[in-house]
Amino acid sequence: MAIDTYVDRYRTWRFNAYTWRQELSLPKKVALALGMACVTGLLAQVRIPLGFTPVPVTGQNLGVLASGIALGPWFGALSILFYLALGACGVPWFQGHEGGLQYLLHSPTLGYLFGFLVVAFMVGRLTEKHLSLRGFWGQVWLMSTGMMIILALGASYLGIAFHMTASEAVTKGVIPFLVGDLLKAALAAGVATTVLPKELHRGDRA
């Protein structure tokens, strides 16, 4: 009986936290988006340079996935827009403590950064609308797909901007990050599964 009580309390907390986020006022949602932008900026400082590619391994894509889950599609995307806009204005929270418009426009990671915006919206939208994607394997699929979109957009821009062949762009912009990004996707999926309610809400689809 005690275990059932704890389970019920956990489910109630999870449900209330999810609906609380949805019912916040606009200023509070904007403030949360700014807070998640700061989280993404902090995770960007978790950085491992690779000698054979101008793109380092970073933790910021975890912030991207978390933004979509925590804030939903529109405010999750807004948090990434804050991250990009404030970074372009000089806040040194791009990878390597970089910032400024010139850095952003000439960065080899610009394609990945644009992918962050797309994926934060996608993850938030699909999780919000489809109950079947809130389980662990649904989240693994969604997070992994998001990571692949980020890698594809990043490698595409890398190839165009640095005049690489398709194979060179894949070698330098995708392959070095596949295993790590899939592990991060699984980690994000595990955390998301524990906090996402499995009950139907208005607008959800099974």
C-alpha atoms as a PDB file:
ATOM      1  CA  MET A   1       0.000   0.000   0.000  1.00  0.00           C
ATOM      2  CA  ALA A   2       2.834   2.382   0.883  1.00  0.00           C
ATOM      3  CA  ILE A   3       4.483   1.788  -2.517  1.00  0.00           C
ATOM      4  CA  ASP A   4       1.194   2.460  -4.301  1.00  0.00           C
ATOM      5  CA  THR A   5       0.851   5.712  -2.374  1.00  0.00           C
ATOM      6  CA  TYR A   6       4.297   6.878  -3.411  1.00  0.00           C
ATOM      7  CA  VAL A   7       3.607   5.930  -7.029  1.00  0.00           C
ATOM      8  CA  ASP A   8       0.334   7.864  -6.970  1.00  0.00           C
ATOM      9  CA  ARG A   9       2.061  10.896  -5.455  1.00  0.00           C
ATOM     10  CA  TYR A  10       4.764  10.742  -8.099  1.00  0.00           C
ATOM     11  CA  ARG A  11       2.218  10.549 -10.904  1.00  0.00           C
ATOM     12  CA  THR A  12       0.296  13.461  -9.406  1.00  0.00           C
ATOM     13  CA  TRP A  13       3.460  15.552  -9.116  1.00  0.00           C
ATOM     14  CA  ARG A  14       4.423  14.734 -12.687  1.00  0.00           C
ATOM     15  CA  PHE A  15       0.981  15.666 -13.977  1.00  0.00           C
ATOM     16  CA  ASN A  16       0.864  18.896 -11.954  1.00  0.00           C
ATOM     17  CA  ALA A  17       4.345  19.948 -13.069  1.00  0.00           C
ATOM     18  CA  TYR A  18       3.395  19.450 -16.709  1.00  0.00           C
ATOM     19  CA  THR A  19       0.151  21.392 -16.447  1.00  0.00           C
ATOM     20  CA  TRP A  20       1.835  24.090 -14.321  1.00  0.00           C
ATOM     21  CA  ARG A  21       4.240  24.784 -17.171  1.00  0.00           C
ATOM     22  CA  GLN A  22       1.390  25.106 -19.621  1.00  0.00           C
ATOM     23  CA  GLU A  23      -0.593  27.456 -17.398  1.00  0.00           C
ATOM     24  CA  LEU A  24       2.205  29.924 -16.628  1.00  0.00           C
ATOM     25  CA  SER A  25       1.778  33.545 -17.652  1.00  0.00           C
ATOM     26  CA  LEU A  26       3.603  34.783 -20.745  1.00  0.00           C
ATOM     27  CA  PRO A  27       6.303  36.711 -18.790  1.00  0.00           C
ATOM     28  CA  LYS A  28       7.085  33.616 -16.719  1.00  0.00           C
ATOM     29  CA  LYS A  29       7.336  31.445 -19.819  1.00  0.00           C
ATOM     30  CA  VAL A  30       9.717  33.960 -21.384  1.00  0.00           C
ATOM     31  CA  ALA A  31      11.778  33.979 -18.173  1.00  0.00           C
ATOM     32  CA  LEU A  32      11.980  30.179 -18.246  1.00  0.00           C
ATOM     33  CA  ALA A  33      13.068  30.315 -21.880  1.00  0.00           C
ATOM     34  CA  LEU A  34      15.850  32.711 -20.911  1.00  0.00           C
ATOM     35  CA  GLY A  35      16.836  30.406 -18.063  1.00  0.00           C
ATOM     36  CA  MET A  36      17.072  27.432 -20.416  1.00  0.00           C
ATOM     37  CA  ALA A  37      19.177  29.539 -22.780  1.00  0.00           C
ATOM     38  CA  CYS A  38      21.598  29.998 -19.880  1.00  0.00           C
ATOM     39  CA  VAL A  39      21.616  26.237 -19.289  1.00  0.00           C
ATOM     40  CA  THR A  40      22.438  25.658 -22.964  1.00  0.00           C
ATOM     41  CA  GLY A  41      25.221  28.244 -22.734  1.00  0.00           C
ATOM     42  CA  LEU A  42      26.702  26.507 -19.697  1.00  0.00           C
ATOM     43  CA  LEU A  43      26.549  23.111 -21.380  1.00  0.00           C
ATOM     44  CA  ALA A  44      28.326  24.593 -24.403  1.00  0.00           C
ATOM     45  CA  GLN A  45      31.383  25.042 -22.182  1.00  0.00           C
ATOM     46  CA  VAL A  46      31.612  21.277 -21.777  1.00  0.00           C
ATOM     47  CA  ARG A  47      33.920  21.046 -24.759  1.00  0.00           C
ATOM     48  CA  ILE A  48      36.327  18.462 -26.176  1.00  0.00           C
ATOM     49  CA  PRO A  49      38.280  19.695 -29.225  1.00  0.00           C
ATOM     50  CA  LEU A  50      39.064  17.174 -31.959  1.00  0.00           C
ATOM     51  CA  GLY A  51      42.231  17.762 -33.910  1.00  0.00           C
ATOM     52  CA  PHE A  52      40.966  16.562 -37.292  1.00  0.00           C
ATOM     53  CA  THR A  53      37.764  18.652 -37.424  1.00  0.00           C
ATOM     54  CA  PRO A  54      36.924  22.284 -36.574  1.00  0.00           C
ATOM     55  CA  VAL A  55      33.817  21.080 -34.732  1.00  0.00           C
ATOM     56  CA  PRO A  56      34.333  20.086 -31.072  1.00  0.00           C
ATOM     57  CA  VAL A  57      32.301  17.730 -28.942  1.00  0.00           C
ATOM     58  CA  THR A  58      30.074  19.800 -26.632  1.00  0.00           C
ATOM     59  CA  GLY A  59      27.203  19.326 -24.229  1.00  0.00           C
ATOM     60  CA  GLN A  60      24.945  22.031 -25.604  1.00  0.00           C
ATOM     61  CA  ASN A  61      22.689  19.715 -27.603  1.00  0.00           C
ATOM     62  CA  LEU A  62      21.537  18.281 -24.275  1.00  0.00           C
ATOM     63  CA  GLY A  63      20.274  21.769 -23.460  1.00  0.00           C
ATOM     64  CA  VAL A  64      18.463  21.842 -26.788  1.00  0.00           C
ATOM     65  CA  LEU A  65      16.602  18.602 -26.079  1.00  0.00           C
ATOM     66  CA  ALA A  66      15.829  19.692 -22.522  1.00  0.00           C
ATOM     67  CA  SER A  67      14.426  22.999 -23.770  1.00  0.00           C
ATOM     68  CA  GLY A  68      11.931  21.257 -26.017  1.00  0.00           C
ATOM     69  CA  ILE A  69      10.822  18.878 -23.256  1.00  0.00           C
ATOM     70  CA  ALA A  70      10.694  21.430 -20.445  1.00  0.00           C
ATOM     71  CA  LEU A  71       9.170  24.350 -22.318  1.00  0.00           C
ATOM     72  CA  GLY A  72       7.245  22.896 -25.245  1.00  0.00           C
ATOM     73  CA  PRO A  73       7.736  23.784 -28.909  1.00  0.00           C
ATOM     74  CA  TRP A  74       7.368  27.556 -29.008  1.00  0.00           C
ATOM     75  CA  PHE A  75       9.156  28.503 -25.821  1.00  0.00           C
ATOM     76  CA  GLY A  76      11.713  25.738 -26.284  1.00  0.00           C
ATOM     77  CA  ALA A  77      12.563  27.265 -29.653  1.00  0.00           C
ATOM     78  CA  LEU A  78      12.509  30.719 -28.041  1.00  0.00           C
ATOM     79  CA  SER A  79      15.128  29.605 -25.534  1.00  0.00           C
ATOM     80  CA  ILE A  80      17.446  28.614 -28.400  1.00  0.00           C
ATOM     81  CA  LEU A  81      16.663  31.891 -30.159  1.00  0.00           C
ATOM     82  CA  PHE A  82      17.691  33.695 -26.964  1.00  0.00           C
ATOM     83  CA  TYR A  83      20.876  31.637 -26.886  1.00  0.00           C
ATOM     84  CA  LEU A  84      21.746  32.551 -30.478  1.00  0.00           C
ATOM     85  CA  ALA A  85      20.675  36.192 -30.302  1.00  0.00           C
ATOM     86  CA  LEU A  86      22.398  36.998 -27.017  1.00  0.00           C
ATOM     87  CA  GLY A  87      25.487  35.126 -28.138  1.00  0.00           C
ATOM     88  CA  ALA A  88      25.513  37.178 -31.340  1.00  0.00           C
ATOM     89  CA  CYS A  89      25.258  40.319 -29.193  1.00  0.00           C
ATOM     90  CA  GLY A  90      28.441  39.336 -27.376  1.00  0.00           C
ATOM     91  CA  VAL A  91      27.481  37.071 -24.471  1.00  0.00           C
ATOM     92  CA  PRO A  92      30.438  34.630 -24.406  1.00  0.00           C
ATOM     93  CA  TRP A  93      28.449  31.429 -24.083  1.00  0.00           C
ATOM     94  CA  PHE A  94      29.090  29.744 -27.402  1.00  0.00           C
ATOM     95  CA  GLN A  95      31.546  26.859 -27.201  1.00  0.00           C
ATOM     96  CA  GLY A  96      34.963  27.950 -25.972  1.00  0.00           C
ATOM     97  CA  HIS A  97      33.552  31.087 -24.284  1.00  0.00           C
ATOM     98  CA  GLU A  98      33.067  32.678 -27.682  1.00  0.00           C
ATOM     99  CA  GLY A  99      30.498  35.304 -28.574  1.00  0.00           C
ATOM    100  CA  GLY A 100      29.705  38.084 -31.021  1.00  0.00           C
ATOM    101  CA  LEU A 101      28.108  38.333 -34.433  1.00  0.00           C
ATOM    102  CA  GLN A 102      31.359  37.890 -36.325  1.00  0.00           C
ATOM    103  CA  TYR A 103      32.099  34.666 -34.515  1.00  0.00           C
ATOM    104  CA  LEU A 104      28.599  33.381 -35.165  1.00  0.00           C
ATOM    105  CA  LEU A 105      28.631  34.167 -38.881  1.00  0.00           C
ATOM    106  CA  HIS A 106      32.065  32.628 -39.408  1.00  0.00           C
ATOM    107  CA  SER A 107      31.707  29.699 -37.050  1.00  0.00           C
ATOM    108  CA  PRO A 108      32.028  26.206 -38.527  1.00  0.00           C
ATOM    109  CA  THR A 109      29.216  25.211 -36.157  1.00  0.00           C
ATOM    110  CA  LEU A 110      26.600  27.610 -37.585  1.00  0.00           C
ATOM    111  CA  GLY A 111      24.673  24.778 -39.232  1.00  0.00           C
ATOM    112  CA  TYR A 112      24.479  22.882 -35.949  1.00  0.00           C
ATOM    113  CA  LEU A 113      23.270  26.030 -34.181  1.00  0.00           C
ATOM    114  CA  PHE A 114      20.461  26.455 -36.699  1.00  0.00           C
ATOM    115  CA  GLY A 115      19.631  22.783 -36.207  1.00  0.00           C
ATOM    116  CA  PHE A 116      19.241  23.459 -32.473  1.00  0.00           C
ATOM    117  CA  LEU A 117      16.363  25.819 -33.211  1.00  0.00           C
ATOM    118  CA  VAL A 118      14.616  23.296 -35.460  1.00  0.00           C
ATOM    119  CA  VAL A 119      15.055  20.381 -33.083  1.00  0.00           C
ATOM    120  CA  ALA A 120      13.960  22.206 -29.917  1.00  0.00           C
ATOM    121  CA  PHE A 121      10.672  22.992 -31.653  1.00  0.00           C
ATOM    122  CA  MET A 122      10.294  19.481 -33.099  1.00  0.00           C
ATOM    123  CA  VAL A 123      10.984  17.671 -29.825  1.00  0.00           C
ATOM    124  CA  GLY A 124       8.622  19.921 -27.919  1.00  0.00           C
ATOM    125  CA  ARG A 125       5.866  19.696 -30.505  1.00  0.00           C
ATOM    126  CA  LEU A 126       5.874  15.934 -30.975  1.00  0.00           C
ATOM    127  CA  THR A 127       6.193  15.208 -27.258  1.00  0.00           C
ATOM    128  CA  GLU A 128       3.387  17.602 -26.465  1.00  0.00           C
ATOM    129  CA  LYS A 129       1.003  16.181 -29.077  1.00  0.00           C
ATOM    130  CA  HIS A 130       1.712  12.441 -29.047  1.00  0.00           C
ATOM    131  CA  LEU A 131       1.283  10.451 -25.859  1.00  0.00           C
ATOM    132  CA  SER A 132       2.965   7.429 -27.440  1.00  0.00           C
ATOM    133  CA  LEU A 133       6.254   9.359 -27.640  1.00  0.00           C
ATOM    134  CA  ARG A 134       6.453   9.961 -23.885  1.00  0.00           C
ATOM    135  CA  GLY A 135       7.655   6.468 -23.067  1.00  0.00           C
ATOM    136  CA  PHE A 136      11.352   5.635 -23.011  1.00  0.00           C
ATOM    137  CA  TRP A 137      11.622   4.119 -26.484  1.00  0.00           C
ATOM    138  CA  GLY A 138       9.468   6.830 -27.993  1.00  0.00           C
ATOM    139  CA  GLN A 139      11.750   9.420 -26.450  1.00  0.00           C
ATOM    140  CA  VAL A 140      14.875   7.566 -27.597  1.00  0.00           C
ATOM    141  CA  TRP A 141      13.549   7.600 -31.149  1.00  0.00           C
ATOM    142  CA  LEU A 142      12.617  11.278 -30.932  1.00  0.00           C
ATOM    143  CA  MET A 143      15.872  12.402 -29.312  1.00  0.00           C
ATOM    144  CA  SER A 144      17.982  10.332 -31.713  1.00  0.00           C
ATOM    145  CA  THR A 145      16.097  11.739 -34.688  1.00  0.00           C
ATOM    146  CA  GLY A 146      16.709  15.231 -33.352  1.00  0.00           C
ATOM    147  CA  MET A 147      20.426  14.529 -33.006  1.00  0.00           C
ATOM    148  CA  MET A 148      20.554  13.238 -36.584  1.00  0.00           C
ATOM    149  CA  ILE A 149      18.844  16.387 -37.859  1.00  0.00           C
ATOM    150  CA  ILE A 150      21.376  18.554 -36.023  1.00  0.00           C
ATOM    151  CA  LEU A 151      24.269  16.542 -37.455  1.00  0.00           C
ATOM    152  CA  ALA A 152      22.834  16.623 -40.981  1.00  0.00           C
ATOM    153  CA  LEU A 153      22.333  20.386 -40.971  1.00  0.00           C
ATOM    154  CA  GLY A 154      25.691  20.953 -39.330  1.00  0.00           C
ATOM    155  CA  ALA A 155      27.598  18.804 -41.793  1.00  0.00           C
ATOM    156  CA  SER A 156      25.756  20.345 -44.752  1.00  0.00           C
ATOM    157  CA  TYR A 157      26.780  23.857 -43.725  1.00  0.00           C
ATOM    158  CA  LEU A 158      30.315  22.691 -42.910  1.00  0.00           C
ATOM    159  CA  GLY A 159      30.694  21.230 -46.388  1.00  0.00           C
ATOM    160  CA  ILE A 160      29.353  24.354 -48.109  1.00  0.00           C
ATOM    161  CA  ALA A 161      31.195  26.939 -46.011  1.00  0.00           C
ATOM    162  CA  PHE A 162      34.543  25.139 -46.032  1.00  0.00           C
ATOM    163  CA  HIS A 163      34.315  23.763 -49.587  1.00  0.00           C
ATOM    164  CA  MET A 164      34.392  20.122 -48.540  1.00  0.00           C
ATOM    165  CA  THR A 165      33.202  17.153 -50.508  1.00  0.00           C
ATOM    166  CA  ALA A 166      30.200  15.281 -49.153  1.00  0.00           C
ATOM    167  CA  SER A 167      32.399  12.491 -47.790  1.00  0.00           C
ATOM    168  CA  GLU A 168      34.712  14.994 -46.081  1.00  0.00           C
ATOM    169  CA  ALA A 169      31.758  16.787 -44.497  1.00  0.00           C
ATOM    170  CA  VAL A 170      30.374  13.506 -43.177  1.00  0.00           C
ATOM    171  CA  THR A 171      33.805  12.411 -41.932  1.00  0.00           C
ATOM    172  CA  LYS A 172      34.406  15.675 -40.076  1.00  0.00           C
ATOM    173  CA  GLY A 173      30.877  16.708 -39.190  1.00  0.00           C
ATOM    174  CA  VAL A 174      28.910  13.526 -38.496  1.00  0.00           C
ATOM    175  CA  ILE A 175      30.913  10.361 -37.838  1.00  0.00           C
ATOM    176  CA  PRO A 176      32.986  11.663 -34.875  1.00  0.00           C
ATOM    177  CA  PHE A 177      29.812  12.593 -33.002  1.00  0.00           C
ATOM    178  CA  LEU A 178      27.474   9.668 -33.727  1.00  0.00           C
ATOM    179  CA  VAL A 179      28.189   7.490 -30.702  1.00  0.00           C
ATOM    180  CA  GLY A 180      28.346  10.368 -28.244  1.00  0.00           C
ATOM    181  CA  ASP A 181      25.170  11.987 -29.556  1.00  0.00           C
ATOM    182  CA  LEU A 182      23.243   8.724 -29.420  1.00  0.00           C
ATOM    183  CA  LEU A 183      24.374   8.232 -25.817  1.00  0.00           C
ATOM    184  CA  LYS A 184      23.274  11.788 -25.006  1.00  0.00           C
ATOM    185  CA  ALA A 185      19.952  11.073 -26.714  1.00  0.00           C
ATOM    186  CA  ALA A 186      19.451   8.001 -24.514  1.00  0.00           C
ATOM    187  CA  LEU A 187      20.348  10.013 -21.402  1.00  0.00           C
ATOM    188  CA  ALA A 188      17.932  12.792 -22.328  1.00  0.00           C
ATOM    189  CA  ALA A 189      15.245  10.207 -23.100  1.00  0.00           C
ATOM    190  CA  GLY A 190      15.664   8.583 -19.696  1.00  0.00           C
ATOM    191  CA  VAL A 191      15.322  11.888 -17.862  1.00  0.00           C
ATOM    192  CA  ALA A 192      12.394  12.999 -20.021  1.00  0.00           C
ATOM    193  CA  THR A 193      10.553   9.730 -19.431  1.00  0.00           C
ATOM    194  CA  THR A 194      10.663  10.233 -15.662  1.00  0.00           C
ATOM    195  CA  VAL A 195       9.117  13.715 -15.812  1.00  0.00           C
ATOM    196  CA  LEU A 196       6.617  13.439 -18.653  1.00  0.00           C
ATOM    197  CA  PRO A 197       3.064  12.462 -17.651  1.00  0.00           C
ATOM    198  CA  LYS A 198       1.579   9.454 -19.393  1.00  0.00           C
ATOM    199  CA  GLU A 199      -2.012  10.669 -18.936  1.00  0.00           C
ATOM    200  CA  LEU A 200      -3.913  12.269 -21.775  1.00  0.00           C
ATOM    201  CA  HIS A 201      -4.238  16.047 -21.826  1.00  0.00           C
ATOM    202  CA  ARG A 202      -6.371  18.248 -24.037  1.00  0.00           C
ATOM    203  CA  GLY A 203      -4.800  18.179 -27.494  1.00  0.00           C
ATOM    204  CA  ASP A 204      -2.827  14.972 -26.882  1.00  0.00           C
ATOM    205  CA  ARG A 205      -2.955  12.111 -29.352  1.00  0.00           C
ATOM    206  CA  ALA A 206      -2.436   8.532 -28.331  1.00  0.00           C
END
